[in-house]
Amino acid sequence: MFYHLIYPLREYISGLNIFRYITFRTALAIFFSFVISLAFGPFLIRVLRNKTNTITRKLTPESHKKKSGTPSMGGILILAAIIISTLLTGNLKNQNVLLCIITLIGFGLLGFLDDYIKDFFSKGKGISSRFKFFTQIVLATIIAVYLFYFNPNEYLLGKNTPAVLAVTSIYIPFLNNVSVNIGLFYIPFAVFLIVGFSNAVNITDGLDGLAIGLTLFTVLAFTTIAYLSGHRQIAEYLKIPFSPQVGEITVFTGAIAGACLGFLWFNSHPAQIFMGDTGSLSLGGIIAVIALLLKNEIIFGVIGGVFVIETASVILQVLSFRLRGKRIFKMAPIHHHFEILGYPENKIILRMWIVGAVCALTGIASLKIW
């Protein structure tokens, strides 16, 4: 809104030219979403504490029973902060930004429905896992088909005479200007990525501040990559896909980062509020879409490494029990395994944050390793 209402006034007030810069508007987006989270967090906590009766998840350590009654649905605060901040600071004519907002709302509404039924009506049991998974696939398929047929970006790869990178091409990092065109398989690939990471964040959201802190590291990495990918000279130097339109994603990811910081203020141990599926499904889904828009699908697995490990621990646990009748971990996902081993919750969270930060830095560093 500032970009559309204030920036045109630069002809009369030269100082307003600053609103053209993505870096300035990204800083504003971080600030606004952070302040919105801090300002409205206490109010939301009060309302939800008085009106909901949150019950901790099943298949969690006994120590989690003391967390019953902590309000969930904190994702409402995260989504509100991101959307309001983006509307204030973003270029709403940019199709990437609009797609990101729509994706966030779509997955957020699904998570909200689950949280609402769970906390207000059914004493801990939300919508069925089949319905949730089916709806995620439908939403992801709509997004994937849109990207396949109507992707608003033209990607260039290389220097001097850069080649046009097809929308369906997967950029291979660590190699020199290499990509693989997967054609129609791009749609199921994109669906897998979106649904998979949406659930990965949901699975990781089991300890106070764990998922939101890891999301912050992941988003900061993509904020950096979005800026670099939207800057032609830098993108050519790093030999990464360039598209002038994806630079605006930097503002949106900045809004996510600010919202994560603000929510962490209330979600840090001992948590005053949980993000619930409203936050976890939407954050996971939108990060995957951003990775697709930036053509960083493979580096994405490195940057979100802890989320991948958490999800893999659940898959391995289920497969091992069904095939061998034995469990690999004392409890899955793996953060519960460490809890049962006797590690304090704070220590588990902090160490996973450290691993997450290293993964994010590794992903950024891998942009230029040859």
Protein backbone atom coordinates (compact mmCIF):
# COMPACT_ATOMS: atom_id res chain seq x y z
CA MET A 1 0.00 0.00 0.00
CA PHE A 2 2.89 2.34 0.80
CA TYR A 3 4.47 1.31 -2.49
CA HIS A 4 1.31 2.15 -4.44
CA LEU A 5 0.21 5.25 -2.52
CA ILE A 6 3.40 6.88 -1.29
CA TYR A 7 5.99 5.95 -3.93
CA PRO A 8 4.13 7.85 -6.74
CA LEU A 9 4.55 11.03 -4.66
CA ARG A 10 8.32 10.89 -5.25
CA GLU A 11 7.83 13.45 -8.02
CA TYR A 12 6.95 15.99 -5.33
CA ILE A 13 9.02 14.69 -2.40
CA SER A 14 12.30 13.21 -3.60
CA GLY A 15 12.92 11.35 -0.34
CA LEU A 16 9.98 9.03 -1.03
CA ASN A 17 12.06 7.46 -3.80
CA ILE A 18 13.36 5.17 -1.07
CA PHE A 19 10.17 3.09 -1.36
CA ARG A 20 11.36 1.76 -4.71
CA TYR A 21 14.10 -0.22 -2.99
CA ILE A 22 13.30 -3.80 -2.06
CA THR A 23 15.81 -3.74 0.80
CA PHE A 24 14.05 -0.79 2.47
CA ARG A 25 10.59 -2.28 2.06
CA THR A 26 11.84 -5.64 3.34
CA ALA A 27 13.13 -3.95 6.49
CA LEU A 28 9.75 -2.24 6.87
CA ALA A 29 7.96 -5.57 6.37
CA ILE A 30 10.04 -7.20 9.11
CA PHE A 31 9.38 -4.28 11.45
CA PHE A 32 5.63 -4.09 10.82
CA SER A 33 4.98 -7.83 11.15
CA PHE A 34 7.09 -7.98 14.32
CA VAL A 35 5.27 -5.05 15.91
CA ILE A 36 1.84 -6.39 14.89
CA SER A 37 2.68 -9.74 16.50
CA LEU A 38 3.84 -8.13 19.73
CA ALA A 39 0.90 -5.72 19.86
CA PHE A 40 -1.92 -8.21 19.29
CA GLY A 41 -0.33 -11.32 20.81
CA PRO A 42 -1.48 -10.70 24.43
CA PHE A 43 -5.05 -9.98 23.27
CA LEU A 44 -5.25 -13.17 21.20
CA ILE A 45 -3.81 -15.25 24.05
CA ARG A 46 -6.44 -13.86 26.43
CA VAL A 47 -9.30 -14.53 24.04
CA LEU A 48 -8.23 -18.06 23.18
CA ARG A 49 -7.46 -18.97 26.80
CA ASN A 50 -10.99 -17.98 27.81
CA LYS A 51 -12.81 -19.64 24.91
CA THR A 52 -10.85 -22.80 24.05
CA ASN A 53 -9.94 -25.95 25.91
CA THR A 54 -6.73 -27.13 24.28
CA ILE A 55 -5.65 -30.70 24.90
CA THR A 56 -2.11 -31.83 24.12
CA ARG A 57 -1.56 -34.23 21.25
CA LYS A 58 -1.69 -37.96 21.76
CA LEU A 59 1.55 -39.95 21.44
CA THR A 60 3.60 -37.32 23.24
CA PRO A 61 5.75 -37.72 26.37
CA GLU A 62 4.01 -37.61 29.76
CA SER A 63 5.74 -34.31 30.53
CA HIS A 64 3.55 -32.64 27.88
CA LYS A 65 0.38 -33.10 29.93
CA LYS A 66 1.25 -29.97 31.90
CA LYS A 67 0.90 -28.03 28.64
CA SER A 68 -2.84 -28.78 28.40
CA GLY A 69 -4.81 -25.56 28.49
CA THR A 70 -2.18 -23.57 26.61
CA PRO A 71 -4.14 -21.89 23.82
CA SER A 72 -3.51 -23.03 20.26
CA MET A 73 -4.51 -21.34 16.98
CA GLY A 74 -1.64 -18.87 17.34
CA GLY A 75 -1.21 -19.20 13.60
CA ILE A 76 -3.97 -16.58 13.32
CA LEU A 77 -1.50 -14.03 14.72
CA ILE A 78 1.27 -15.16 12.36
CA LEU A 79 -0.91 -15.02 9.25
CA ALA A 80 -2.45 -11.67 10.18
CA ALA A 81 0.98 -10.11 10.75
CA ILE A 82 2.34 -11.45 7.45
CA ILE A 83 -0.65 -10.41 5.34
CA ILE A 84 -1.06 -6.92 6.86
CA SER A 85 2.67 -6.23 6.62
CA THR A 86 2.79 -7.42 3.00
CA LEU A 87 -0.22 -5.30 2.06
CA LEU A 88 1.51 -2.28 3.58
CA THR A 89 4.96 -2.75 2.05
CA GLY A 90 4.69 -5.05 -0.97
CA ASN A 91 4.10 -4.48 -4.65
CA LEU A 92 0.63 -5.98 -5.02
CA LYS A 93 0.88 -5.94 -8.81
CA ASN A 94 3.57 -8.59 -8.57
CA GLN A 95 1.98 -12.00 -9.27
CA ASN A 96 4.51 -13.80 -7.07
CA VAL A 97 3.37 -11.82 -4.05
CA LEU A 98 -0.31 -12.44 -4.82
CA LEU A 99 0.31 -16.17 -5.24
CA CYS A 100 2.15 -16.26 -1.91
CA ILE A 101 -0.71 -14.49 -0.12
CA ILE A 102 -3.32 -16.82 -1.65
CA THR A 103 -1.26 -19.90 -0.74
CA LEU A 104 -0.84 -18.69 2.83
CA ILE A 105 -4.57 -18.08 3.19
CA GLY A 106 -5.54 -21.41 1.57
CA PHE A 107 -3.40 -23.60 3.82
CA GLY A 108 -4.14 -21.33 6.77
CA LEU A 109 -7.90 -21.85 6.39
CA LEU A 110 -7.42 -25.62 6.30
CA GLY A 111 -5.34 -25.48 9.47
CA PHE A 112 -7.83 -23.10 11.10
CA LEU A 113 -10.70 -25.50 10.40
CA ASP A 114 -8.77 -28.32 12.06
CA ASP A 115 -7.81 -26.18 15.07
CA TYR A 116 -11.30 -24.74 15.47
CA ILE A 117 -13.01 -28.13 15.55
CA LYS A 118 -10.28 -29.53 17.79
CA ASP A 119 -10.30 -26.73 20.36
CA PHE A 120 -13.95 -25.68 20.39
CA PHE A 121 -15.93 -28.85 19.78
CA SER A 122 -14.24 -32.24 19.86
CA LYS A 123 -11.82 -32.07 22.79
CA GLY A 124 -8.60 -32.57 20.90
CA LYS A 125 -9.80 -34.33 17.74
CA GLY A 126 -9.95 -32.19 14.62
CA ILE A 127 -10.81 -33.04 11.03
CA SER A 128 -9.84 -36.50 9.84
CA SER A 129 -6.27 -36.99 8.62
CA ARG A 130 -7.61 -38.29 5.29
CA PHE A 131 -9.68 -35.16 4.69
CA LYS A 132 -6.76 -32.93 5.70
CA PHE A 133 -4.33 -34.77 3.43
CA PHE A 134 -6.79 -34.80 0.53
CA THR A 135 -7.41 -31.04 0.87
CA GLN A 136 -3.67 -30.38 1.00
CA ILE A 137 -3.23 -32.32 -2.24
CA VAL A 138 -6.07 -30.38 -3.90
CA LEU A 139 -4.61 -27.01 -2.84
CA ALA A 140 -1.10 -28.05 -3.88
CA THR A 141 -2.34 -29.34 -7.24
CA ILE A 142 -4.08 -26.04 -7.99
CA ILE A 143 -0.84 -24.18 -7.21
CA ALA A 144 1.29 -26.63 -9.22
CA VAL A 145 -0.98 -26.40 -12.26
CA TYR A 146 -0.91 -22.60 -12.04
CA LEU A 147 2.89 -22.63 -11.92
CA PHE A 148 3.02 -25.08 -14.83
CA TYR A 149 0.75 -23.08 -17.14
CA PHE A 150 0.84 -19.49 -15.82
CA ASN A 151 4.15 -19.05 -14.02
CA PRO A 152 4.71 -15.26 -14.11
CA ASN A 153 8.50 -15.53 -14.19
CA GLU A 154 11.01 -15.93 -16.99
CA TYR A 155 14.15 -17.55 -15.62
CA LEU A 156 17.57 -16.93 -17.13
CA LEU A 157 20.64 -19.00 -16.36
CA GLY A 158 24.18 -18.16 -17.39
CA LYS A 159 26.20 -15.07 -18.30
CA ASN A 160 26.58 -12.92 -21.45
CA THR A 161 24.05 -14.98 -23.46
CA PRO A 162 21.96 -16.58 -20.71
CA ALA A 163 19.70 -19.48 -21.60
CA VAL A 164 16.00 -19.32 -20.78
CA LEU A 165 15.31 -21.86 -18.06
CA ALA A 166 12.00 -23.67 -18.60
CA VAL A 167 9.42 -23.45 -15.84
CA THR A 168 9.52 -27.24 -15.61
CA SER A 169 13.29 -27.35 -15.23
CA ILE A 170 14.87 -28.24 -11.91
CA TYR A 171 18.04 -26.27 -11.28
CA ILE A 172 20.89 -28.51 -10.11
CA PRO A 173 23.15 -26.74 -7.59
CA PHE A 174 26.87 -27.47 -7.19
CA LEU A 175 27.23 -27.82 -10.99
CA ASN A 176 27.87 -25.19 -13.65
CA ASN A 177 24.61 -23.95 -15.21
CA VAL A 178 23.00 -27.39 -15.13
CA SER A 179 19.26 -28.05 -15.04
CA VAL A 180 16.96 -30.98 -15.77
CA ASN A 181 13.63 -30.49 -17.53
CA ILE A 182 11.10 -32.89 -16.00
CA GLY A 183 8.19 -31.75 -18.19
CA LEU A 184 4.75 -32.81 -17.03
CA PHE A 185 6.25 -34.53 -13.99
CA TYR A 186 6.75 -31.02 -12.61
CA ILE A 187 3.15 -31.01 -11.36
CA PRO A 188 3.37 -34.12 -9.12
CA PHE A 189 6.87 -33.01 -8.07
CA ALA A 190 5.55 -29.61 -6.96
CA VAL A 191 2.58 -31.23 -5.19
CA PHE A 192 4.92 -33.57 -3.33
CA LEU A 193 7.13 -30.67 -2.26
CA ILE A 194 4.25 -28.47 -1.06
CA VAL A 195 2.30 -31.18 0.78
CA GLY A 196 5.47 -32.77 2.15
CA PHE A 197 6.88 -29.59 3.65
CA SER A 198 3.48 -28.44 4.93
CA ASN A 199 3.31 -31.66 6.95
CA ALA A 200 7.01 -31.49 7.87
CA VAL A 201 6.52 -28.20 9.73
CA ASN A 202 3.40 -29.63 11.35
CA ILE A 203 5.35 -32.69 12.54
CA THR A 204 8.19 -30.53 13.89
CA ASP A 205 5.79 -28.33 15.86
CA GLY A 206 6.04 -30.39 19.05
CA LEU A 207 8.24 -28.37 21.41
CA ASP A 208 7.94 -24.76 22.56
CA GLY A 209 9.43 -22.51 19.90
CA LEU A 210 11.05 -25.34 17.94
CA ALA A 211 9.14 -25.09 14.65
CA ILE A 212 8.83 -21.30 14.59
CA GLY A 213 12.55 -20.85 15.30
CA LEU A 214 13.53 -23.27 12.54
CA THR A 215 11.06 -21.55 10.20
CA LEU A 216 12.77 -18.25 10.95
CA PHE A 217 16.18 -19.61 9.89
CA THR A 218 14.68 -21.14 6.74
CA VAL A 219 12.87 -17.95 5.77
CA LEU A 220 15.91 -15.75 6.37
CA ALA A 221 17.87 -17.99 4.00
CA PHE A 222 15.17 -17.65 1.34
CA THR A 223 15.02 -13.89 1.92
CA THR A 224 18.69 -13.75 0.98
CA ILE A 225 18.24 -16.05 -2.04
CA ALA A 226 15.18 -14.14 -3.28
CA TYR A 227 17.12 -10.88 -3.25
CA LEU A 228 20.12 -12.45 -5.02
CA SER A 229 17.90 -14.16 -7.62
CA GLY A 230 16.19 -10.86 -8.44
CA HIS A 231 19.49 -9.01 -8.98
CA ARG A 232 20.85 -9.76 -12.45
CA GLN A 233 24.54 -9.08 -11.88
CA ILE A 234 24.68 -11.05 -8.63
CA ALA A 235 22.64 -13.94 -10.04
CA GLU A 236 24.92 -14.17 -13.08
CA TYR A 237 28.00 -14.12 -10.86
CA LEU A 238 26.62 -16.86 -8.62
CA LYS A 239 25.29 -18.77 -11.66
CA ILE A 240 21.82 -19.14 -10.17
CA PRO A 241 18.47 -18.68 -11.98
CA PHE A 242 17.62 -15.00 -12.43
CA SER A 243 14.17 -13.49 -12.77
CA PRO A 244 13.47 -9.78 -12.17
CA GLN A 245 10.05 -10.49 -10.69
CA VAL A 246 11.18 -12.83 -7.89
CA GLY A 247 13.05 -10.05 -6.10
CA GLU A 248 9.73 -8.83 -4.70
CA ILE A 249 9.40 -12.14 -2.82
CA THR A 250 12.09 -10.71 -0.53
CA VAL A 251 9.51 -8.34 0.96
CA PHE A 252 7.08 -11.20 1.60
CA THR A 253 9.69 -13.43 3.22
CA GLY A 254 10.75 -10.46 5.33
CA ALA A 255 7.17 -10.21 6.59
CA ILE A 256 7.27 -13.91 7.49
CA ALA A 257 10.57 -13.43 9.36
CA GLY A 258 9.16 -10.55 11.41
CA ALA A 259 6.02 -12.55 12.23
CA CYS A 260 8.15 -15.52 13.32
CA LEU A 261 10.21 -13.30 15.62
CA GLY A 262 7.09 -11.74 17.13
CA PHE A 263 5.38 -15.09 17.65
CA LEU A 264 8.52 -16.57 19.19
CA TRP A 265 8.21 -13.92 21.91
CA PHE A 266 5.11 -15.75 23.15
CA ASN A 267 5.92 -19.27 21.93
CA SER A 268 9.34 -19.62 23.58
CA HIS A 269 9.58 -22.06 26.51
CA PRO A 270 7.34 -22.12 28.50
CA ALA A 271 4.95 -21.31 25.66
CA GLN A 272 2.00 -19.00 26.24
CA ILE A 273 0.45 -20.04 22.93
CA PHE A 274 0.97 -22.66 20.21
CA MET A 275 0.76 -21.95 16.48
CA GLY A 276 -1.49 -24.96 15.82
CA ASP A 277 -2.19 -26.29 12.35
CA THR A 278 -3.25 -22.78 11.31
CA GLY A 279 0.39 -21.75 11.48
CA SER A 280 2.29 -24.95 10.72
CA LEU A 281 0.39 -26.03 7.59
CA SER A 282 0.42 -22.55 6.09
CA LEU A 283 4.08 -21.81 6.86
CA GLY A 284 5.23 -25.14 5.48
CA GLY A 285 3.12 -24.78 2.36
CA ILE A 286 4.22 -21.24 1.60
CA ILE A 287 7.93 -21.94 2.09
CA ALA A 288 7.70 -24.80 -0.43
CA VAL A 289 5.97 -22.51 -2.95
CA ILE A 290 8.69 -19.90 -2.47
CA ALA A 291 11.33 -22.57 -3.16
CA LEU A 292 9.51 -23.45 -6.39
CA LEU A 293 9.25 -19.80 -7.45
CA LEU A 294 12.96 -19.25 -6.81
CA LYS A 295 13.98 -22.45 -8.63
CA ASN A 296 15.74 -23.69 -5.49
CA GLU A 297 13.92 -26.98 -5.02
CA ILE A 298 17.06 -29.01 -4.29
CA ILE A 299 18.84 -26.50 -2.05
CA PHE A 300 15.50 -26.32 -0.25
CA GLY A 301 16.19 -29.78 1.20
CA VAL A 302 19.47 -28.49 2.66
CA ILE A 303 18.07 -25.25 4.07
CA GLY A 304 15.14 -27.04 5.72
CA GLY A 305 17.34 -29.92 6.83
CA VAL A 306 15.94 -30.28 10.34
CA PHE A 307 12.38 -30.46 9.01
CA VAL A 308 13.53 -33.22 6.65
CA ILE A 309 15.17 -35.12 9.52
CA GLU A 310 12.06 -34.81 11.70
CA THR A 311 9.83 -36.14 8.92
CA ALA A 312 12.26 -38.92 8.04
CA SER A 313 12.29 -40.06 11.68
CA VAL A 314 8.52 -40.55 11.58
CA ILE A 315 8.62 -42.41 8.26
CA LEU A 316 11.45 -44.68 9.43
CA GLN A 317 9.67 -45.37 12.72
CA VAL A 318 6.45 -46.42 10.98
CA LEU A 319 8.22 -48.54 8.37
CA SER A 320 10.40 -50.26 10.96
CA PHE A 321 7.44 -51.11 13.17
CA ARG A 322 5.35 -52.46 10.30
CA LEU A 323 8.14 -54.45 8.67
CA ARG A 324 10.15 -55.58 11.71
CA GLY A 325 7.75 -55.11 14.61
CA LYS A 326 10.41 -52.95 16.29
CA ARG A 327 10.84 -49.23 16.78
CA ILE A 328 14.02 -47.35 15.90
CA PHE A 329 13.32 -44.44 18.23
CA LYS A 330 11.74 -44.43 21.67
CA MET A 331 9.16 -42.05 20.19
CA ALA A 332 8.84 -40.19 16.90
CA PRO A 333 9.37 -37.51 15.71
CA ILE A 334 12.95 -37.48 16.87
CA HIS A 335 12.64 -34.53 19.26
CA HIS A 336 10.37 -36.70 21.46
CA HIS A 337 13.04 -39.43 21.34
CA PHE A 338 15.52 -37.04 22.95
CA GLU A 339 12.92 -35.97 25.53
CA ILE A 340 12.39 -39.56 26.67
CA LEU A 341 16.17 -40.02 26.86
CA GLY A 342 16.08 -37.30 29.51
CA TYR A 343 17.33 -34.24 27.67
CA PRO A 344 15.77 -30.96 28.91
CA GLU A 345 13.33 -29.40 26.45
CA ASN A 346 15.29 -26.16 26.27
CA LYS A 347 18.48 -27.99 25.35
CA ILE A 348 16.77 -29.99 22.59
CA ILE A 349 15.25 -26.84 21.12
CA LEU A 350 18.48 -24.85 21.24
CA ARG A 351 20.55 -27.61 19.67
CA MET A 352 18.02 -28.14 16.89
CA TRP A 353 18.04 -24.40 16.27
CA ILE A 354 21.84 -24.56 15.95
CA VAL A 355 21.57 -27.38 13.42
CA GLY A 356 18.84 -25.44 11.59
CA ALA A 357 21.02 -22.32 11.44
CA VAL A 358 23.93 -24.36 10.07
CA CYS A 359 21.63 -25.90 7.43
CA ALA A 360 20.41 -22.45 6.37
CA LEU A 361 23.96 -21.08 6.14
CA THR A 362 25.08 -24.17 4.23
CA GLY A 363 22.27 -23.66 1.73
CA ILE A 364 23.29 -20.05 1.14
CA ALA A 365 27.00 -20.92 0.94
CA SER A 366 26.27 -23.65 -1.60
CA LEU A 367 25.17 -21.01 -4.11
CA LYS A 368 28.84 -20.38 -4.88
CA ILE A 369 31.03 -23.41 -4.26
CA TRP A 370 32.74 -23.84 -7.67
